[in-house]
Amino acid sequence: MKSDRSVDTDLEAWQSPEYADPGLFDEQVVTVGSGAFAVPGTISIPHGEGPHPAAVLLAGGGPFDRDGTAGPNKNLKDIAWGLAGRGVAVLRFDKVTHAHREQVAATPEFTPTEEYVPHAVAGIEILRGLPAVDDDQVFVIGHSMGGKFAPRVAAAGSDVAGLVVLAGDTVPMQWSMVRVIQHLTKIDPATAALLPTVEVATEQAELVDSPDLSPVTPAAELPFGMPAPYWLDMRAYDPVAVAATLGLPMLFLQGERDYQVTIDGDLAGWRAGLAALPDVTFRTYAADDHMFFPGTGPSMPEDYARPHHVDPDVIADIADWLRSRVRHR
């Protein structure tokens, strides 16, 4: 699991990547959503004559802030600043599980759909309301679980222009957990010792798949201690099947050193399910891990404790793909 930190921490440790020039864009703070679960967000708006294409940026699984802070790293801020300097307006926001952690924990019926869709749709509408943004060219960019739920955001009637999915998982999350624990048991026993055993994780995953799973199944018997309604909603969602119905341009990116979301398991699911569709692009990056940080050798959890930036090739590829979609629409 990746740790989270608040938006205001690690400001001294994090440095802007070389490919991001903050002199090329402005930022403004906004409120995303309404009511008790409204969250703060930041829009990076390019200088120069618009209207610009834009994107809502969705974080991965866990209570992440708007920057995707993990130790000294901020992969979502890297992406937002990198794209804003290349003419793309980007809205990123604190996940509701970060901004309202206690309230969410006290809401046992809370689902992953509620974790992602309402704020993403609200963010799309915020971007559409900006004079500097082309309201027909608003995309969704999702990392990890945010990528998995990007099709559900698009299917919610938000009329997005396309999807960019970075390391989006298609293997059910409960079985990804088993796979990760098996992997860490081999390469990093110290970290694996902090997690459930493979046997316990397998029992929990089997319960998620079981017809015996019901809204009253105790959370303690389920993966990550998440309540049963969360897993019922997750189980009912097939991201590949939803993506196949959208008729949208889609770009899928995957790090080849990623052990959390894999080429053979997860990317293969997207490729198989979307193979017959036009305007679906797949790219992999030999040096990149789950966060799209370049490196060498096996990716290790401890890597996230050292400063990194998102691969500049990933930023350039996303920006080029977005611009090409804008020209041809």
C-alpha atoms as a PDB file:
ATOM      1  CA  MET A   1       0.000   0.000   0.000  1.00  0.00           C
ATOM      2  CA  LYS A   2       1.247   3.535  -0.734  1.00  0.00           C
ATOM      3  CA  SER A   3       1.360   6.044   2.085  1.00  0.00           C
ATOM      4  CA  ASP A   4      -0.220   9.467   1.878  1.00  0.00           C
ATOM      5  CA  ARG A   5       0.863  12.827   3.171  1.00  0.00           C
ATOM      6  CA  SER A   6      -0.912  16.179   3.302  1.00  0.00           C
ATOM      7  CA  VAL A   7      -0.657  18.715   0.508  1.00  0.00           C
ATOM      8  CA  ASP A   8       1.508  21.052   2.592  1.00  0.00           C
ATOM      9  CA  THR A   9       4.132  18.524   3.714  1.00  0.00           C
ATOM     10  CA  ASP A  10       7.433  17.798   2.015  1.00  0.00           C
ATOM     11  CA  LEU A  11       7.490  21.173   0.270  1.00  0.00           C
ATOM     12  CA  GLU A  12      11.228  21.446   0.947  1.00  0.00           C
ATOM     13  CA  ALA A  13      11.898  17.892  -0.206  1.00  0.00           C
ATOM     14  CA  TRP A  14       9.890  18.069  -3.431  1.00  0.00           C
ATOM     15  CA  GLN A  15      11.479  19.993  -6.273  1.00  0.00           C
ATOM     16  CA  SER A  16       9.866  20.796  -9.603  1.00  0.00           C
ATOM     17  CA  PRO A  17      10.975  18.346 -12.309  1.00  0.00           C
ATOM     18  CA  GLU A  18      13.133  19.785 -15.073  1.00  0.00           C
ATOM     19  CA  TYR A  19      10.357  19.303 -17.603  1.00  0.00           C
ATOM     20  CA  ALA A  20       7.904  21.471 -15.639  1.00  0.00           C
ATOM     21  CA  ASP A  21       8.272  25.253 -15.870  1.00  0.00           C
ATOM     22  CA  PRO A  22       5.912  26.964 -13.373  1.00  0.00           C
ATOM     23  CA  GLY A  23       6.453  30.195 -15.257  1.00  0.00           C
ATOM     24  CA  LEU A  24       4.299  28.821 -18.083  1.00  0.00           C
ATOM     25  CA  PHE A  25       1.064  28.492 -16.124  1.00  0.00           C
ATOM     26  CA  ASP A  26      -0.922  29.856 -13.206  1.00  0.00           C
ATOM     27  CA  GLU A  27      -2.682  27.943 -10.449  1.00  0.00           C
ATOM     28  CA  GLN A  28      -5.905  28.596  -8.598  1.00  0.00           C
ATOM     29  CA  VAL A  29      -7.532  26.789  -5.698  1.00  0.00           C
ATOM     30  CA  VAL A  30     -11.125  25.610  -6.133  1.00  0.00           C
ATOM     31  CA  THR A  31     -13.727  23.619  -4.241  1.00  0.00           C
ATOM     32  CA  VAL A  32     -14.736  20.381  -5.957  1.00  0.00           C
ATOM     33  CA  GLY A  33     -18.159  18.949  -5.185  1.00  0.00           C
ATOM     34  CA  SER A  34     -20.664  20.245  -2.681  1.00  0.00           C
ATOM     35  CA  GLY A  35     -22.011  19.508   0.742  1.00  0.00           C
ATOM     36  CA  ALA A  36     -20.239  17.647   3.518  1.00  0.00           C
ATOM     37  CA  PHE A  37     -17.936  15.780   1.140  1.00  0.00           C
ATOM     38  CA  ALA A  38     -16.694  18.790  -0.887  1.00  0.00           C
ATOM     39  CA  VAL A  39     -12.911  18.754  -1.293  1.00  0.00           C
ATOM     40  CA  PRO A  40     -10.233  21.314  -2.177  1.00  0.00           C
ATOM     41  CA  GLY A  41      -8.504  21.190  -5.528  1.00  0.00           C
ATOM     42  CA  THR A  42      -6.013  23.061  -7.696  1.00  0.00           C
ATOM     43  CA  ILE A  43      -6.271  24.002 -11.364  1.00  0.00           C
ATOM     44  CA  SER A  44      -3.083  24.565 -13.369  1.00  0.00           C
ATOM     45  CA  ILE A  45      -3.979  26.887 -16.254  1.00  0.00           C
ATOM     46  CA  PRO A  46      -1.513  27.421 -19.139  1.00  0.00           C
ATOM     47  CA  HIS A  47      -0.528  30.889 -20.230  1.00  0.00           C
ATOM     48  CA  GLY A  48      -1.180  31.867 -23.801  1.00  0.00           C
ATOM     49  CA  GLU A  49      -4.200  32.140 -25.981  1.00  0.00           C
ATOM     50  CA  GLY A  50      -6.810  29.469 -25.393  1.00  0.00           C
ATOM     51  CA  PRO A  51      -9.093  27.813 -25.269  1.00  0.00           C
ATOM     52  CA  HIS A  52      -6.924  24.957 -24.022  1.00  0.00           C
ATOM     53  CA  PRO A  53      -7.665  21.249 -23.761  1.00  0.00           C
ATOM     54  CA  ALA A  54      -8.051  20.172 -20.155  1.00  0.00           C
ATOM     55  CA  ALA A  55      -8.049  17.121 -17.937  1.00  0.00           C
ATOM     56  CA  VAL A  56      -9.277  16.013 -14.543  1.00  0.00           C
ATOM     57  CA  LEU A  57      -6.602  13.986 -12.769  1.00  0.00           C
ATOM     58  CA  LEU A  58      -7.657  11.014 -10.612  1.00  0.00           C
ATOM     59  CA  ALA A  59      -5.392   9.576  -7.914  1.00  0.00           C
ATOM     60  CA  GLY A  60      -4.833   5.910  -7.189  1.00  0.00           C
ATOM     61  CA  GLY A  61      -6.236   3.759  -4.414  1.00  0.00           C
ATOM     62  CA  GLY A  62      -5.772   5.098  -0.905  1.00  0.00           C
ATOM     63  CA  PRO A  63      -6.396   8.432   0.825  1.00  0.00           C
ATOM     64  CA  PHE A  64      -4.208  10.542  -1.460  1.00  0.00           C
ATOM     65  CA  ASP A  65      -3.988  14.309  -1.527  1.00  0.00           C
ATOM     66  CA  ARG A  66      -4.262  16.255  -4.777  1.00  0.00           C
ATOM     67  CA  ASP A  67      -0.529  15.889  -5.449  1.00  0.00           C
ATOM     68  CA  GLY A  68      -0.385  12.118  -4.961  1.00  0.00           C
ATOM     69  CA  THR A  69       2.093  12.646  -2.136  1.00  0.00           C
ATOM     70  CA  ALA A  70       4.035   9.532  -1.161  1.00  0.00           C
ATOM     71  CA  GLY A  71       7.091  10.279   0.944  1.00  0.00           C
ATOM     72  CA  PRO A  72       9.090  12.972  -0.893  1.00  0.00           C
ATOM     73  CA  ASN A  73       7.300  12.272  -4.181  1.00  0.00           C
ATOM     74  CA  LYS A  74       4.269  13.896  -5.811  1.00  0.00           C
ATOM     75  CA  ASN A  75       3.500  12.028  -8.994  1.00  0.00           C
ATOM     76  CA  LEU A  76       0.202  13.801  -9.672  1.00  0.00           C
ATOM     77  CA  LYS A  77       1.799  17.208  -9.258  1.00  0.00           C
ATOM     78  CA  ASP A  78       4.541  16.123 -11.677  1.00  0.00           C
ATOM     79  CA  ILE A  79       1.875  15.205 -14.216  1.00  0.00           C
ATOM     80  CA  ALA A  80      -0.214  18.345 -13.688  1.00  0.00           C
ATOM     81  CA  TRP A  81       2.755  20.718 -13.937  1.00  0.00           C
ATOM     82  CA  GLY A  82       4.288  18.838 -16.849  1.00  0.00           C
ATOM     83  CA  LEU A  83       1.068  18.991 -18.856  1.00  0.00           C
ATOM     84  CA  ALA A  84       0.219  22.593 -17.903  1.00  0.00           C
ATOM     85  CA  GLY A  85       3.567  23.697 -19.297  1.00  0.00           C
ATOM     86  CA  ARG A  86       2.586  21.982 -22.545  1.00  0.00           C
ATOM     87  CA  GLY A  87      -0.732  23.755 -22.955  1.00  0.00           C
ATOM     88  CA  VAL A  88      -3.129  21.456 -21.061  1.00  0.00           C
ATOM     89  CA  ALA A  89      -5.190  22.769 -18.132  1.00  0.00           C
ATOM     90  CA  VAL A  90      -5.277  20.221 -15.305  1.00  0.00           C
ATOM     91  CA  LEU A  91      -7.529  19.969 -12.269  1.00  0.00           C
ATOM     92  CA  ARG A  92      -6.342  17.775  -9.403  1.00  0.00           C
ATOM     93  CA  PHE A  93      -8.081  17.431  -6.057  1.00  0.00           C
ATOM     94  CA  ASP A  94      -7.774  15.830  -2.637  1.00  0.00           C
ATOM     95  CA  LYS A  95      -9.594  12.524  -2.539  1.00  0.00           C
ATOM     96  CA  VAL A  96     -12.600  12.504  -0.262  1.00  0.00           C
ATOM     97  CA  THR A  97     -10.896   9.733   1.722  1.00  0.00           C
ATOM     98  CA  HIS A  98      -8.070  12.191   2.444  1.00  0.00           C
ATOM     99  CA  ALA A  99     -10.074  15.357   3.058  1.00  0.00           C
ATOM    100  CA  HIS A 100     -12.858  13.643   5.033  1.00  0.00           C
ATOM    101  CA  ARG A 101     -11.184  10.531   6.345  1.00  0.00           C
ATOM    102  CA  GLU A 102     -13.194  10.235   9.566  1.00  0.00           C
ATOM    103  CA  GLN A 103     -16.553  10.909   7.911  1.00  0.00           C
ATOM    104  CA  VAL A 104     -15.900   8.284   5.252  1.00  0.00           C
ATOM    105  CA  ALA A 105     -14.800   5.761   7.871  1.00  0.00           C
ATOM    106  CA  ALA A 106     -18.062   6.415   9.715  1.00  0.00           C
ATOM    107  CA  THR A 107     -20.096   5.727   6.539  1.00  0.00           C
ATOM    108  CA  PRO A 108     -20.077   1.930   6.124  1.00  0.00           C
ATOM    109  CA  GLU A 109     -22.153   2.082   2.948  1.00  0.00           C
ATOM    110  CA  PHE A 110     -19.495   4.217   1.221  1.00  0.00           C
ATOM    111  CA  THR A 111     -18.468   2.729  -2.148  1.00  0.00           C
ATOM    112  CA  PRO A 112     -15.574   3.187  -4.593  1.00  0.00           C
ATOM    113  CA  THR A 113     -18.012   4.739  -7.045  1.00  0.00           C
ATOM    114  CA  GLU A 114     -18.690   7.461  -4.470  1.00  0.00           C
ATOM    115  CA  GLU A 115     -14.962   7.724  -3.891  1.00  0.00           C
ATOM    116  CA  TYR A 116     -14.320   8.708  -7.512  1.00  0.00           C
ATOM    117  CA  VAL A 117     -17.305   9.604  -9.659  1.00  0.00           C
ATOM    118  CA  PRO A 118     -19.023  12.593  -7.976  1.00  0.00           C
ATOM    119  CA  HIS A 119     -15.850  14.635  -7.581  1.00  0.00           C
ATOM    120  CA  ALA A 120     -14.532  13.741 -11.019  1.00  0.00           C
ATOM    121  CA  VAL A 121     -17.796  14.802 -12.658  1.00  0.00           C
ATOM    122  CA  ALA A 122     -17.831  18.010 -10.597  1.00  0.00           C
ATOM    123  CA  GLY A 123     -14.250  18.691 -11.662  1.00  0.00           C
ATOM    124  CA  ILE A 124     -15.142  18.249 -15.318  1.00  0.00           C
ATOM    125  CA  GLU A 125     -17.897  20.829 -14.961  1.00  0.00           C
ATOM    126  CA  ILE A 126     -15.526  23.254 -13.234  1.00  0.00           C
ATOM    127  CA  LEU A 127     -13.108  23.002 -16.145  1.00  0.00           C
ATOM    128  CA  ARG A 128     -15.905  23.439 -18.658  1.00  0.00           C
ATOM    129  CA  GLY A 129     -16.863  26.680 -16.964  1.00  0.00           C
ATOM    130  CA  LEU A 130     -13.445  28.284 -17.430  1.00  0.00           C
ATOM    131  CA  PRO A 131     -13.058  30.711 -20.354  1.00  0.00           C
ATOM    132  CA  ALA A 132      -9.503  29.424 -20.895  1.00  0.00           C
ATOM    133  CA  VAL A 133     -10.728  25.847 -21.451  1.00  0.00           C
ATOM    134  CA  ASP A 134     -12.241  24.313 -24.576  1.00  0.00           C
ATOM    135  CA  ASP A 135     -15.360  22.765 -23.077  1.00  0.00           C
ATOM    136  CA  ASP A 136     -15.471  20.095 -25.802  1.00  0.00           C
ATOM    137  CA  GLN A 137     -11.931  18.947 -24.997  1.00  0.00           C
ATOM    138  CA  VAL A 138     -12.007  17.854 -21.359  1.00  0.00           C
ATOM    139  CA  PHE A 139     -10.323  14.496 -20.723  1.00  0.00           C
ATOM    140  CA  VAL A 140      -9.988  12.205 -17.724  1.00  0.00           C
ATOM    141  CA  ILE A 141      -6.515  11.050 -16.676  1.00  0.00           C
ATOM    142  CA  GLY A 142      -6.452   8.355 -13.996  1.00  0.00           C
ATOM    143  CA  HIS A 143      -3.601   6.612 -12.223  1.00  0.00           C
ATOM    144  CA  SER A 144      -3.953   3.070 -10.839  1.00  0.00           C
ATOM    145  CA  MET A 145      -7.405   2.781  -9.242  1.00  0.00           C
ATOM    146  CA  GLY A 146      -8.160   6.232 -10.668  1.00  0.00           C
ATOM    147  CA  GLY A 147      -7.485   4.742 -14.100  1.00  0.00           C
ATOM    148  CA  LYS A 148      -9.691   1.784 -13.329  1.00  0.00           C
ATOM    149  CA  PHE A 149     -12.562   4.131 -12.498  1.00  0.00           C
ATOM    150  CA  ALA A 150     -11.993   6.555 -15.369  1.00  0.00           C
ATOM    151  CA  PRO A 151     -14.429   4.601 -17.618  1.00  0.00           C
ATOM    152  CA  ARG A 152     -17.083   4.777 -14.910  1.00  0.00           C
ATOM    153  CA  VAL A 153     -16.614   8.554 -14.740  1.00  0.00           C
ATOM    154  CA  ALA A 154     -17.043   8.801 -18.509  1.00  0.00           C
ATOM    155  CA  ALA A 155     -20.122   6.575 -18.367  1.00  0.00           C
ATOM    156  CA  ALA A 156     -21.714   8.837 -15.760  1.00  0.00           C
ATOM    157  CA  GLY A 157     -22.870  11.211 -18.490  1.00  0.00           C
ATOM    158  CA  SER A 158     -20.010  13.675 -18.147  1.00  0.00           C
ATOM    159  CA  ASP A 159     -19.367  13.740 -21.937  1.00  0.00           C
ATOM    160  CA  VAL A 160     -15.568  13.595 -21.749  1.00  0.00           C
ATOM    161  CA  ALA A 161     -13.353  13.805 -24.831  1.00  0.00           C
ATOM    162  CA  GLY A 162     -11.225  10.762 -24.010  1.00  0.00           C
ATOM    163  CA  LEU A 163      -9.408   8.779 -21.326  1.00  0.00           C
ATOM    164  CA  VAL A 164      -5.772   8.411 -20.327  1.00  0.00           C
ATOM    165  CA  VAL A 165      -5.195   5.409 -18.055  1.00  0.00           C
ATOM    166  CA  LEU A 166      -1.860   5.047 -16.272  1.00  0.00           C
ATOM    167  CA  ALA A 167      -1.354   1.606 -14.703  1.00  0.00           C
ATOM    168  CA  GLY A 168      -5.086   1.016 -14.463  1.00  0.00           C
ATOM    169  CA  ASP A 169      -5.885  -2.356 -12.947  1.00  0.00           C
ATOM    170  CA  THR A 170      -8.245  -4.882 -14.480  1.00  0.00           C
ATOM    171  CA  VAL A 171      -7.467  -7.830 -12.197  1.00  0.00           C
ATOM    172  CA  PRO A 172      -9.947  -7.690  -9.285  1.00  0.00           C
ATOM    173  CA  MET A 173      -8.299  -5.742  -6.469  1.00  0.00           C
ATOM    174  CA  GLN A 174      -8.658  -8.542  -3.930  1.00  0.00           C
ATOM    175  CA  TRP A 175      -6.630 -10.851  -6.174  1.00  0.00           C
ATOM    176  CA  SER A 176      -4.090  -8.144  -6.945  1.00  0.00           C
ATOM    177  CA  MET A 177      -3.539  -7.995  -3.194  1.00  0.00           C
ATOM    178  CA  VAL A 178      -2.771 -11.718  -3.136  1.00  0.00           C
ATOM    179  CA  ARG A 179      -0.380 -11.339  -6.065  1.00  0.00           C
ATOM    180  CA  VAL A 180       1.449  -8.412  -4.437  1.00  0.00           C
ATOM    181  CA  ILE A 181       1.858 -10.290  -1.148  1.00  0.00           C
ATOM    182  CA  GLN A 182       3.213 -13.328  -2.993  1.00  0.00           C
ATOM    183  CA  HIS A 183       5.663 -11.089  -4.857  1.00  0.00           C
ATOM    184  CA  LEU A 184       6.850  -9.251  -1.751  1.00  0.00           C
ATOM    185  CA  THR A 185       7.257 -12.494   0.156  1.00  0.00           C
ATOM    186  CA  LYS A 186       9.931 -13.407  -2.399  1.00  0.00           C
ATOM    187  CA  ILE A 187      11.726 -10.084  -2.863  1.00  0.00           C
ATOM    188  CA  ASP A 188      11.036  -8.105   0.353  1.00  0.00           C
ATOM    189  CA  PRO A 189      10.140 -10.397   3.285  1.00  0.00           C
ATOM    190  CA  ALA A 190      10.361  -7.529   5.800  1.00  0.00           C
ATOM    191  CA  THR A 191       7.570  -5.602   4.066  1.00  0.00           C
ATOM    192  CA  ALA A 192       5.572  -8.774   3.441  1.00  0.00           C
ATOM    193  CA  ALA A 193       5.667  -9.499   7.185  1.00  0.00           C
ATOM    194  CA  LEU A 194       3.636  -6.313   7.763  1.00  0.00           C
ATOM    195  CA  LEU A 195       0.843  -7.567   5.497  1.00  0.00           C
ATOM    196  CA  PRO A 196      -1.633 -10.428   5.809  1.00  0.00           C
ATOM    197  CA  THR A 197      -0.237 -13.819   4.907  1.00  0.00           C
ATOM    198  CA  VAL A 198      -0.930 -15.230   1.464  1.00  0.00           C
ATOM    199  CA  GLU A 199      -3.323 -17.708   3.060  1.00  0.00           C
ATOM    200  CA  VAL A 200      -5.309 -15.007   4.885  1.00  0.00           C
ATOM    201  CA  ALA A 201      -5.360 -12.749   1.812  1.00  0.00           C
ATOM    202  CA  THR A 202      -6.597 -15.645  -0.315  1.00  0.00           C
ATOM    203  CA  GLU A 203      -9.410 -16.407   2.133  1.00  0.00           C
ATOM    204  CA  GLN A 204     -10.441 -12.746   2.077  1.00  0.00           C
ATOM    205  CA  ALA A 205     -10.357 -12.641  -1.725  1.00  0.00           C
ATOM    206  CA  GLU A 206     -12.455 -15.786  -1.963  1.00  0.00           C
ATOM    207  CA  LEU A 207     -15.023 -14.232   0.372  1.00  0.00           C
ATOM    208  CA  VAL A 208     -15.267 -11.180  -1.890  1.00  0.00           C
ATOM    209  CA  ASP A 209     -16.010 -13.514  -4.817  1.00  0.00           C
ATOM    210  CA  SER A 210     -18.422 -15.667  -2.828  1.00  0.00           C
ATOM    211  CA  PRO A 211     -22.209 -15.502  -3.145  1.00  0.00           C
ATOM    212  CA  ASP A 212     -22.134 -15.376   0.654  1.00  0.00           C
ATOM    213  CA  LEU A 213     -20.831 -11.805   0.564  1.00  0.00           C
ATOM    214  CA  SER A 214     -23.600  -9.475   1.747  1.00  0.00           C
ATOM    215  CA  PRO A 215     -23.863  -5.936   3.107  1.00  0.00           C
ATOM    216  CA  VAL A 216     -23.597  -7.305   6.639  1.00  0.00           C
ATOM    217  CA  THR A 217     -20.419  -9.345   6.135  1.00  0.00           C
ATOM    218  CA  PRO A 218     -17.972  -8.055   8.796  1.00  0.00           C
ATOM    219  CA  ALA A 219     -15.331  -5.706   7.429  1.00  0.00           C
ATOM    220  CA  ALA A 220     -12.694  -7.475   9.515  1.00  0.00           C
ATOM    221  CA  GLU A 221     -13.108 -10.545   7.305  1.00  0.00           C
ATOM    222  CA  LEU A 222     -12.535  -8.579   4.084  1.00  0.00           C
ATOM    223  CA  PRO A 223      -9.441  -7.181   2.338  1.00  0.00           C
ATOM    224  CA  PHE A 224      -7.981  -3.992   3.829  1.00  0.00           C
ATOM    225  CA  GLY A 225     -10.790  -4.027   6.422  1.00  0.00           C
ATOM    226  CA  MET A 226     -13.064  -2.261   3.946  1.00  0.00           C
ATOM    227  CA  PRO A 227     -16.819  -2.733   4.521  1.00  0.00           C
ATOM    228  CA  ALA A 228     -18.821  -5.184   2.443  1.00  0.00           C
ATOM    229  CA  PRO A 229     -20.737  -2.514   0.446  1.00  0.00           C
ATOM    230  CA  TYR A 230     -17.385  -1.298  -0.864  1.00  0.00           C
ATOM    231  CA  TRP A 231     -16.544  -4.759  -2.163  1.00  0.00           C
ATOM    232  CA  LEU A 232     -20.024  -5.394  -3.545  1.00  0.00           C
ATOM    233  CA  ASP A 233     -19.734  -2.222  -5.621  1.00  0.00           C
ATOM    234  CA  MET A 234     -16.208  -3.116  -6.718  1.00  0.00           C
ATOM    235  CA  ARG A 235     -17.278  -6.625  -7.676  1.00  0.00           C
ATOM    236  CA  ALA A 236     -20.112  -5.300  -9.827  1.00  0.00           C
ATOM    237  CA  TYR A 237     -17.838  -3.039 -11.883  1.00  0.00           C
ATOM    238  CA  ASP A 238     -15.984  -4.329 -14.950  1.00  0.00           C
ATOM    239  CA  PRO A 239     -13.794  -1.448 -16.172  1.00  0.00           C
ATOM    240  CA  VAL A 240     -12.936  -3.095 -19.492  1.00  0.00           C
ATOM    241  CA  ALA A 241     -16.562  -3.826 -20.340  1.00  0.00           C
ATOM    242  CA  VAL A 242     -17.566  -0.249 -19.505  1.00  0.00           C
ATOM    243  CA  ALA A 243     -14.665   1.211 -21.494  1.00  0.00           C
ATOM    244  CA  ALA A 244     -15.705  -0.869 -24.512  1.00  0.00           C
ATOM    245  CA  THR A 245     -19.099   0.871 -24.604  1.00  0.00           C
ATOM    246  CA  LEU A 246     -17.818   4.455 -24.536  1.00  0.00           C
ATOM    247  CA  GLY A 247     -16.674   5.062 -28.122  1.00  0.00           C
ATOM    248  CA  LEU A 248     -13.917   7.374 -26.864  1.00  0.00           C
ATOM    249  CA  PRO A 249     -10.232   7.767 -27.732  1.00  0.00           C
ATOM    250  CA  MET A 250      -8.192   6.033 -25.024  1.00  0.00           C
ATOM    251  CA  LEU A 251      -4.503   5.940 -24.155  1.00  0.00           C
ATOM    252  CA  PHE A 252      -3.144   3.235 -21.833  1.00  0.00           C
ATOM    253  CA  LEU A 253       0.315   3.547 -20.287  1.00  0.00           C
ATOM    254  CA  GLN A 254       2.099   0.891 -18.238  1.00  0.00           C
ATOM    255  CA  GLY A 255       5.457   0.642 -16.499  1.00  0.00           C
ATOM    256  CA  GLU A 256       7.231  -2.639 -17.176  1.00  0.00           C
ATOM    257  CA  ARG A 257       8.784  -2.675 -13.667  1.00  0.00           C
ATOM    258  CA  ASP A 258       5.380  -2.334 -11.995  1.00  0.00           C
ATOM    259  CA  TYR A 259       4.573  -5.236  -9.665  1.00  0.00           C
ATOM    260  CA  GLN A 260       1.314  -3.751  -8.351  1.00  0.00           C
ATOM    261  CA  VAL A 261      -0.375  -3.505 -11.755  1.00  0.00           C
ATOM    262  CA  THR A 262       1.214  -5.725 -14.373  1.00  0.00           C
ATOM    263  CA  ILE A 263       1.506  -6.051 -18.133  1.00  0.00           C
ATOM    264  CA  ASP A 264       0.643  -9.756 -18.160  1.00  0.00           C
ATOM    265  CA  GLY A 265      -2.276  -9.414 -15.765  1.00  0.00           C
ATOM    266  CA  ASP A 266      -3.864  -5.972 -15.954  1.00  0.00           C
ATOM    267  CA  LEU A 267      -2.754  -4.404 -19.239  1.00  0.00           C
ATOM    268  CA  ALA A 268      -3.546  -7.691 -20.953  1.00  0.00           C
ATOM    269  CA  GLY A 269      -7.137  -7.260 -19.819  1.00  0.00           C
ATOM    270  CA  TRP A 270      -7.442  -3.862 -21.472  1.00  0.00           C
ATOM    271  CA  ARG A 271      -5.784  -5.117 -24.643  1.00  0.00           C
ATOM    272  CA  ALA A 272      -8.028  -8.159 -24.969  1.00  0.00           C
ATOM    273  CA  GLY A 273     -11.252  -6.317 -24.255  1.00  0.00           C
ATOM    274  CA  LEU A 274     -10.569  -3.262 -26.415  1.00  0.00           C
ATOM    275  CA  ALA A 275      -8.612  -4.833 -29.281  1.00  0.00           C
ATOM    276  CA  ALA A 276     -11.386  -4.342 -31.825  1.00  0.00           C
ATOM    277  CA  LEU A 277     -11.963  -0.675 -31.055  1.00  0.00           C
ATOM    278  CA  PRO A 278     -10.539   2.247 -33.069  1.00  0.00           C
ATOM    279  CA  ASP A 279      -8.363   4.935 -31.484  1.00  0.00           C
ATOM    280  CA  VAL A 280      -7.115   2.899 -28.532  1.00  0.00           C
ATOM    281  CA  THR A 281      -3.366   3.226 -27.938  1.00  0.00           C
ATOM    282  CA  PHE A 282      -1.096   1.200 -25.636  1.00  0.00           C
ATOM    283  CA  ARG A 283       2.394   2.207 -24.535  1.00  0.00           C
ATOM    284  CA  THR A 284       4.786   0.598 -22.097  1.00  0.00           C
ATOM    285  CA  TYR A 285       7.930   1.975 -20.444  1.00  0.00           C
ATOM    286  CA  ALA A 286      10.749  -0.460 -19.721  1.00  0.00           C
ATOM    287  CA  ALA A 287      12.324   1.515 -16.871  1.00  0.00           C
ATOM    288  CA  ASP A 288       9.169   2.623 -15.035  1.00  0.00           C
ATOM    289  CA  ASP A 289       7.548   1.338 -11.845  1.00  0.00           C
ATOM    290  CA  HIS A 290       3.951   1.732 -10.666  1.00  0.00           C
ATOM    291  CA  MET A 291       4.353   5.468 -10.092  1.00  0.00           C
ATOM    292  CA  PHE A 292       6.053   5.831 -13.507  1.00  0.00           C
ATOM    293  CA  PHE A 293       9.351   6.587 -11.817  1.00  0.00           C
ATOM    294  CA  PRO A 294      12.280   5.336 -13.934  1.00  0.00           C
ATOM    295  CA  GLY A 295      14.776   2.981 -12.327  1.00  0.00           C
ATOM    296  CA  THR A 296      16.659  -0.267 -12.680  1.00  0.00           C
ATOM    297  CA  GLY A 297      16.261  -3.705 -11.170  1.00  0.00           C
ATOM    298  CA  PRO A 298      13.195  -4.991  -9.353  1.00  0.00           C
ATOM    299  CA  SER A 299      10.844  -2.300  -8.062  1.00  0.00           C
ATOM    300  CA  MET A 300      10.755  -2.257  -4.244  1.00  0.00           C
ATOM    301  CA  PRO A 301       8.380  -0.542  -1.787  1.00  0.00           C
ATOM    302  CA  GLU A 302      11.327   1.316  -0.268  1.00  0.00           C
ATOM    303  CA  ASP A 303      11.871   3.073  -3.608  1.00  0.00           C
ATOM    304  CA  TYR A 304       8.957   5.385  -2.820  1.00  0.00           C
ATOM    305  CA  ALA A 305      10.912   6.817   0.120  1.00  0.00           C
ATOM    306  CA  ARG A 306      13.535   8.259  -2.248  1.00  0.00           C
ATOM    307  CA  PRO A 307      12.921  11.355  -4.408  1.00  0.00           C
ATOM    308  CA  HIS A 308      11.770  10.656  -7.967  1.00  0.00           C
ATOM    309  CA  HIS A 309       9.843  12.327 -10.753  1.00  0.00           C
ATOM    310  CA  VAL A 310       7.450  10.876 -13.310  1.00  0.00           C
ATOM    311  CA  ASP A 311       9.239   9.776 -16.470  1.00  0.00           C
ATOM    312  CA  PRO A 312       9.512  12.764 -18.851  1.00  0.00           C
ATOM    313  CA  ASP A 313       8.638  10.456 -21.757  1.00  0.00           C
ATOM    314  CA  VAL A 314       5.300   9.726 -20.079  1.00  0.00           C
ATOM    315  CA  ILE A 315       4.526  13.435 -19.763  1.00  0.00           C
ATOM    316  CA  ALA A 316       5.498  14.088 -23.392  1.00  0.00           C
ATOM    317  CA  ASP A 317       3.491  11.116 -24.664  1.00  0.00           C
ATOM    318  CA  ILE A 318       0.347  12.184 -22.828  1.00  0.00           C
ATOM    319  CA  ALA A 319       0.662  15.775 -24.020  1.00  0.00           C
ATOM    320  CA  ASP A 320       1.282  14.714 -27.623  1.00  0.00           C
ATOM    321  CA  TRP A 321      -1.638  12.288 -27.554  1.00  0.00           C
ATOM    322  CA  LEU A 322      -4.001  14.929 -26.142  1.00  0.00           C
ATOM    323  CA  ARG A 323      -2.951  17.468 -28.735  1.00  0.00           C
ATOM    324  CA  SER A 324      -3.403  14.953 -31.535  1.00  0.00           C
ATOM    325  CA  ARG A 325      -6.929  14.131 -30.354  1.00  0.00           C
ATOM    326  CA  VAL A 326      -7.805  17.819 -30.201  1.00  0.00           C
ATOM    327  CA  ARG A 327      -6.639  18.436 -33.768  1.00  0.00           C
ATOM    328  CA  HIS A 328      -8.685  15.589 -35.197  1.00  0.00           C
ATOM    329  CA  ARG A 329     -11.965  16.159 -33.399  1.00  0.00           C
END
